[in-house]
Protein backbone atom coordinates (compact mmCIF):
# COMPACT_ATOMS: atom_id res chain seq x y z
CA UNK A 1 23.72 -47.03 -7.41
CA UNK A 2 26.84 -48.81 -6.17
CA UNK A 3 28.94 -46.50 -8.33
CA UNK A 4 27.11 -43.33 -7.29
CA UNK A 5 29.68 -42.38 -4.64
CA UNK A 6 32.46 -42.72 -7.18
CA UNK A 7 30.57 -40.54 -9.69
CA UNK A 8 29.98 -37.79 -7.09
CA UNK A 9 33.66 -37.85 -6.18
CA UNK A 10 34.57 -37.52 -9.87
CA UNK A 11 32.24 -34.54 -10.20
CA UNK A 12 34.01 -32.69 -7.37
CA UNK A 13 37.43 -33.67 -8.76
CA UNK A 14 36.44 -32.05 -12.06
CA UNK A 15 35.79 -28.79 -10.19
CA UNK A 16 39.30 -28.82 -8.72
CA UNK A 17 41.09 -29.90 -11.89
CA UNK A 18 39.45 -27.09 -13.89
CA UNK A 19 39.39 -24.53 -11.10
CA UNK A 20 40.07 -21.49 -13.31
CA UNK A 21 37.09 -22.21 -15.57
CA UNK A 22 35.04 -23.19 -12.52
CA UNK A 23 35.76 -19.83 -10.88
CA UNK A 24 34.94 -18.07 -14.15
CA UNK A 25 31.60 -19.89 -14.38
CA UNK A 26 30.77 -19.17 -10.74
CA UNK A 27 31.65 -15.49 -11.23
CA UNK A 28 29.47 -15.16 -14.32
CA UNK A 29 26.55 -17.01 -12.76
CA UNK A 30 26.79 -14.93 -9.57
CA UNK A 31 26.68 -11.76 -11.68
CA UNK A 32 23.66 -13.02 -13.61
CA UNK A 33 21.80 -14.06 -10.47
CA UNK A 34 22.53 -10.78 -8.66
CA UNK A 35 21.38 -8.77 -11.69
CA UNK A 36 18.28 -10.95 -12.00
CA UNK A 37 17.50 -10.54 -8.30
CA UNK A 38 18.06 -6.79 -8.59
CA UNK A 39 15.61 -6.67 -11.50
CA UNK A 40 13.04 -8.53 -9.40
CA UNK A 41 13.56 -6.20 -6.40
CA UNK A 42 13.34 -3.16 -8.69
CA UNK A 43 10.06 -4.40 -10.16
CA UNK A 44 8.56 -5.02 -6.72
CA UNK A 45 9.60 -1.61 -5.37
CA UNK A 46 8.55 0.34 -8.47
CA UNK A 47 5.17 -1.36 -8.19
CA UNK A 48 5.01 -0.28 -4.52
CA UNK A 49 5.89 3.31 -5.45
CA UNK A 50 3.26 3.35 -8.20
CA UNK A 51 0.68 2.04 -5.71
CA UNK A 52 1.74 4.67 -3.15
CA UNK A 53 1.47 7.49 -5.68
CA UNK A 54 -1.82 6.06 -6.84
CA UNK A 55 -3.16 6.15 -3.28
CA UNK A 56 -2.35 9.87 -3.04
CA UNK A 57 -3.78 10.53 -6.51
CA UNK A 58 -7.39 11.15 -5.46
CA UNK A 59 -10.17 12.07 -7.87
CA UNK A 60 -12.66 14.75 -6.83
CA UNK A 61 -16.34 14.04 -7.46
CA UNK A 62 -18.58 17.13 -7.30
CA UNK A 63 -22.29 16.76 -6.56
CA UNK A 64 -25.21 18.78 -7.84
CA UNK A 65 -25.55 22.25 -6.21
CA UNK A 66 -29.14 21.52 -5.23
CA UNK A 67 -28.16 18.72 -2.84
CA UNK A 68 -28.52 19.31 0.88
CA UNK A 69 -25.79 18.11 3.22
CA UNK A 70 -27.84 15.08 4.31
CA UNK A 71 -28.53 14.08 0.71
CA UNK A 72 -24.85 14.51 -0.15
CA UNK A 73 -23.77 12.31 2.77
CA UNK A 74 -26.10 9.50 1.68
CA UNK A 75 -24.72 9.74 -1.87
CA UNK A 76 -21.37 8.46 -0.55
CA UNK A 77 -22.81 4.95 -0.14
CA UNK A 78 -23.63 4.76 -3.87
CA UNK A 79 -20.18 6.00 -4.84
CA UNK A 80 -18.47 3.42 -2.63
CA UNK A 81 -20.35 0.63 -4.44
CA UNK A 82 -18.90 1.58 -7.84
CA UNK A 83 -16.51 -1.12 -9.10
CA UNK A 84 -12.78 -0.34 -8.57
CA UNK A 85 -13.51 2.38 -5.98
CA UNK A 86 -11.55 1.58 -2.83
CA UNK A 87 -12.29 4.61 -0.65
CA UNK A 88 -14.62 7.64 -0.62
CA UNK A 89 -14.29 10.61 1.70
CA UNK A 90 -16.93 13.31 2.09
CA UNK A 91 -15.82 16.93 1.58
CA UNK A 92 -18.06 19.42 3.39
CA UNK A 93 -18.36 22.60 1.36
CA UNK A 94 -18.14 24.74 4.53
CA UNK A 95 -14.83 23.08 5.45
CA UNK A 96 -13.63 23.46 1.85
CA UNK A 97 -14.34 27.21 1.77
CA UNK A 98 -12.63 27.57 5.15
CA UNK A 99 -9.54 25.87 3.75
CA UNK A 100 -9.48 28.37 0.88
CA UNK A 101 -9.92 31.21 3.38
CA UNK A 102 -6.96 29.98 5.43
CA UNK A 103 -4.78 29.82 2.33
CA UNK A 104 -5.79 33.02 0.52
CA UNK A 105 -7.06 35.26 3.28
CA UNK A 106 -10.46 36.37 4.60
CA UNK A 107 -10.72 39.33 2.19
CA UNK A 108 -11.36 37.15 -0.85
CA UNK A 109 -13.90 34.84 0.79
CA UNK A 110 -15.45 37.24 3.31
CA UNK A 111 -18.96 36.96 1.83
CA UNK A 112 -18.74 33.30 0.81
CA UNK A 113 -20.17 31.37 3.71
CA UNK A 114 -23.44 29.73 4.67
CA UNK A 115 -26.04 30.04 1.90
CA UNK A 116 -23.64 32.20 -0.15
CA UNK A 117 -21.04 29.44 -0.34
CA UNK A 118 -20.58 28.76 -4.11
CA UNK A 119 -18.83 25.41 -3.63
CA UNK A 120 -20.81 22.14 -4.01
CA UNK A 121 -20.56 19.16 -1.70
CA UNK A 122 -17.95 16.73 -3.00
CA UNK A 123 -16.13 13.45 -2.42
CA UNK A 124 -12.50 12.45 -2.80
CA UNK A 125 -12.34 9.02 -4.41
CA UNK A 126 -9.44 6.54 -4.50
CA UNK A 127 -9.25 3.62 -6.93
CA UNK A 128 -7.79 0.14 -6.63
CA UNK A 129 -6.50 -0.19 -10.20
CA UNK A 130 -5.46 2.98 -12.05
CA UNK A 131 -5.42 1.11 -15.37
CA UNK A 132 -9.26 1.06 -15.13
CA UNK A 133 -9.41 4.81 -14.51
CA UNK A 134 -11.52 5.79 -17.54
CA UNK A 135 -14.06 3.02 -16.99
CA UNK A 136 -14.35 3.88 -13.29
CA UNK A 137 -14.86 7.61 -13.97
CA UNK A 138 -17.56 6.74 -16.53
CA UNK A 139 -19.37 4.63 -13.92
CA UNK A 140 -19.08 7.40 -11.32
CA UNK A 141 -20.65 9.89 -13.74
CA UNK A 142 -23.61 7.54 -14.16
CA UNK A 143 -24.45 7.92 -10.44
CA UNK A 144 -27.44 10.23 -10.07
CA UNK A 145 -26.50 13.62 -8.60
CA UNK A 146 -22.87 13.65 -9.80
CA UNK A 147 -22.30 16.98 -11.54
CA UNK A 148 -18.65 16.61 -12.57
CA UNK A 149 -15.44 14.67 -11.94
CA UNK A 150 -11.96 16.18 -11.83
CA UNK A 151 -9.89 14.09 -14.24
CA UNK A 152 -6.38 12.84 -13.46
CA UNK A 153 -6.33 10.55 -16.49
CA UNK A 154 -2.81 11.55 -17.61
CA UNK A 155 -1.30 10.82 -14.19
CA UNK A 156 -3.07 7.46 -13.98
CA UNK A 157 -1.94 6.54 -17.51
CA UNK A 158 1.70 7.48 -16.81
CA UNK A 159 1.78 5.44 -13.61
CA UNK A 160 0.27 2.40 -15.34
CA UNK A 161 2.69 2.67 -18.29
CA UNK A 162 5.68 2.99 -15.94
CA UNK A 163 4.73 -0.12 -14.02
CA UNK A 164 4.19 -2.13 -17.24
CA UNK A 165 7.50 -0.93 -18.71
CA UNK A 166 9.53 -1.91 -15.64
CA UNK A 167 7.88 -5.34 -15.47
CA UNK A 168 8.49 -6.04 -19.18
CA UNK A 169 12.12 -4.89 -19.04
CA UNK A 170 12.78 -7.05 -15.98
CA UNK A 171 11.41 -10.15 -17.70
CA UNK A 172 13.64 -9.58 -20.75
CA UNK A 173 16.67 -9.00 -18.51
CA UNK A 174 16.00 -12.23 -16.61
CA UNK A 175 15.62 -14.20 -19.86
CA UNK A 176 18.82 -12.73 -21.37
CA UNK A 177 20.85 -13.43 -18.22
CA UNK A 178 19.58 -17.03 -18.04
CA UNK A 179 20.72 -17.65 -21.64
CA UNK A 180 24.13 -16.08 -20.95
CA UNK A 181 24.60 -18.21 -17.82
CA UNK A 182 23.63 -21.38 -19.68
CA UNK A 183 26.11 -20.57 -22.46
CA UNK A 184 29.02 -19.88 -20.07
CA UNK A 185 28.45 -22.99 -17.96
CA UNK A 186 28.05 -25.22 -21.03
CA UNK A 187 31.40 -23.92 -22.32
CA UNK A 188 33.00 -24.60 -18.95
CA UNK A 189 31.73 -28.19 -18.93
CA UNK A 190 32.82 -28.59 -22.55
CA UNK A 191 36.36 -27.58 -21.56
CA UNK A 192 36.21 -30.10 -18.72
CA UNK A 193 35.13 -32.87 -21.03
CA UNK A 194 37.82 -31.99 -23.57
CA UNK A 195 40.45 -32.46 -20.87
CA UNK A 196 38.83 -35.82 -19.97
CA UNK A 197 38.36 -37.00 -23.54
CA UNK A 198 40.78 -39.92 -23.11
CA UNK A 199 38.89 -41.15 -20.04
CA UNK A 200 35.57 -40.81 -21.87
CA UNK A 201 37.02 -42.74 -24.83
CA UNK A 202 38.18 -45.60 -22.60
CA UNK A 203 34.88 -45.74 -20.70
CA UNK A 204 32.85 -45.82 -23.91
CA UNK A 205 35.17 -48.51 -25.35
CA UNK A 206 34.62 -50.85 -22.39
CA UNK A 207 30.84 -50.39 -22.48
CA UNK A 208 30.14 -47.56 -20.01
CA UNK A 209 26.58 -46.26 -20.34
CA UNK A 210 25.83 -42.69 -21.29
CA UNK A 211 24.40 -42.08 -17.80
CA UNK A 212 27.64 -43.29 -16.14
CA UNK A 213 29.69 -40.87 -18.24
CA UNK A 214 27.23 -38.01 -17.85
CA UNK A 215 26.64 -38.00 -14.05
CA UNK A 216 30.02 -36.50 -12.89
CA UNK A 217 29.63 -33.57 -15.29
CA UNK A 218 26.03 -32.96 -14.24
CA UNK A 219 27.16 -32.98 -10.59
CA UNK A 220 29.88 -30.49 -11.51
CA UNK A 221 27.30 -28.17 -13.09
CA UNK A 222 24.91 -28.51 -10.12
CA UNK A 223 27.67 -27.70 -7.62
CA UNK A 224 28.67 -24.62 -9.66
CA UNK A 225 25.01 -23.53 -9.63
CA UNK A 226 24.57 -24.08 -5.88
CA UNK A 227 27.78 -22.23 -4.93
CA UNK A 228 26.80 -19.34 -7.20
CA UNK A 229 23.28 -19.20 -5.75
CA UNK A 230 24.51 -19.08 -2.13
CA UNK A 231 27.02 -16.29 -2.82
CA UNK A 232 24.50 -14.36 -4.96
CA UNK A 233 21.90 -14.50 -2.15
CA UNK A 234 24.39 -13.00 0.31
CA UNK A 235 25.44 -10.26 -2.11
CA UNK A 236 21.85 -9.36 -2.98
CA UNK A 237 20.96 -9.13 0.71
CA UNK A 238 23.80 -6.68 1.38
CA UNK A 239 23.46 -4.66 -1.82
CA UNK A 240 19.66 -4.30 -1.80
CA UNK A 241 19.61 -3.01 1.78
CA UNK A 242 22.43 -0.55 1.08
CA UNK A 243 20.70 0.77 -2.06
CA UNK A 244 17.30 1.09 -0.36
CA UNK A 245 18.83 2.95 2.59
CA UNK A 246 20.47 5.41 0.18
CA UNK A 247 17.38 5.91 -2.02
CA UNK A 248 15.10 6.31 1.02
CA UNK A 249 17.00 9.46 1.99
CA UNK A 250 15.99 10.99 -1.36
CA UNK A 251 12.56 9.46 -2.02
CA UNK A 252 10.62 8.69 1.14
CA UNK A 253 8.42 5.75 0.13
CA UNK A 254 7.72 2.38 1.70
CA UNK A 255 10.19 -0.04 0.12
CA UNK A 256 10.15 -3.83 0.13
CA UNK A 257 13.39 -5.15 1.64
CA UNK A 258 15.09 -8.40 0.72
CA UNK A 259 14.17 -10.05 4.02
CA UNK A 260 10.45 -9.57 3.23
CA UNK A 261 10.67 -11.62 0.02
CA UNK A 262 13.72 -13.65 1.00
CA UNK A 263 12.39 -17.23 0.84
CA UNK A 264 10.84 -17.09 -2.66
CA UNK A 265 14.06 -15.53 -3.99
CA UNK A 266 16.28 -18.08 -2.21
CA UNK A 267 14.16 -20.92 -3.60
CA UNK A 268 14.27 -19.40 -7.09
CA UNK A 269 18.04 -18.85 -6.96
CA UNK A 270 18.76 -22.41 -5.82
CA UNK A 271 16.39 -23.85 -8.43
CA UNK A 272 17.85 -21.61 -11.16
CA UNK A 273 21.43 -22.49 -10.20
CA UNK A 274 20.75 -26.22 -10.22
CA UNK A 275 18.72 -26.03 -13.44
CA UNK A 276 21.20 -23.88 -15.38
CA UNK A 277 24.15 -25.93 -14.11
CA UNK A 278 22.63 -29.29 -14.99
CA UNK A 279 21.28 -28.09 -18.36
CA UNK A 280 24.68 -26.63 -19.25
CA UNK A 281 26.28 -29.96 -18.48
CA UNK A 282 23.79 -32.01 -20.47
CA UNK A 283 24.02 -29.71 -23.50
CA UNK A 284 27.83 -29.83 -23.45
CA UNK A 285 28.25 -33.60 -23.08
CA UNK A 286 25.61 -34.55 -25.61
CA UNK A 287 28.02 -34.45 -28.59
CA UNK A 288 30.56 -36.70 -26.87
CA UNK A 289 27.97 -39.35 -26.05
CA UNK A 290 27.00 -39.85 -29.70
CA UNK A 291 30.43 -41.35 -30.55
CA UNK A 292 32.15 -44.54 -29.55
CA UNK A 293 35.75 -45.23 -28.54
CA UNK A 294 38.37 -43.43 -30.62
CA UNK A 295 35.67 -41.30 -32.33
CA UNK A 296 35.50 -39.28 -29.11
CA UNK A 297 39.14 -38.27 -29.69
CA UNK A 298 38.52 -37.34 -33.31
CA UNK A 299 40.89 -40.09 -34.60
């Protein structure tokens, strides 16, 4: 512990002495973190869009023609109790025929009112999870008095597949970028250690422990990770807001902005920067710590 201040100072000196490689590592890690954060924001917002489209994707449930209005109204309670059904809304057949009359003119529907109205009472049904669409429709059809259900199975399936695809792709992107960052930082630390190979040789010769040799390089990796995380957070904040503002002019949906999920992302970025930086350092220095004295120099 008495040498800890010296080791921290050495870690920062390494950053300055190898500033070109340090800047290269910071640049690569910033790029990886920004792309990772963008993938996360994309996944969140695509999920929101899918949910929004799913909310507007209502399924019509038509009741038996023999049902009176009172019986049809009471049937709504049974429909609302079906698993995965989030909302039911009664459709009065008189209001439905009036809507058709407003759209297509009185001539077509002149004699279709009152007892001559051919439309049944119906309900518009919304679901919580579109991936359970088929099972939910099957349960709705089991309710007594349900004559038919208008199927939107294809739309529900496409929305579910889109959400799954985006989530899977984002996870693979995050994994690939983490590996790339680890590789770049480990190479940077390796270059640093190569330039300090004489110092490492001397320290090992006089009995320095592996931990004493390792700490400055781990500190170097952690500092690279922290600097990269801070800059990446600022860039993601600016870029995500600019992109959302542009997209919102074309597709008017409710988007999740960076400030709404800021703290989990900041925590993840800092943790990822520290973890990748320290792991890169430990991986790089491992080979040097297995030799003693002049073996470090390859003599």
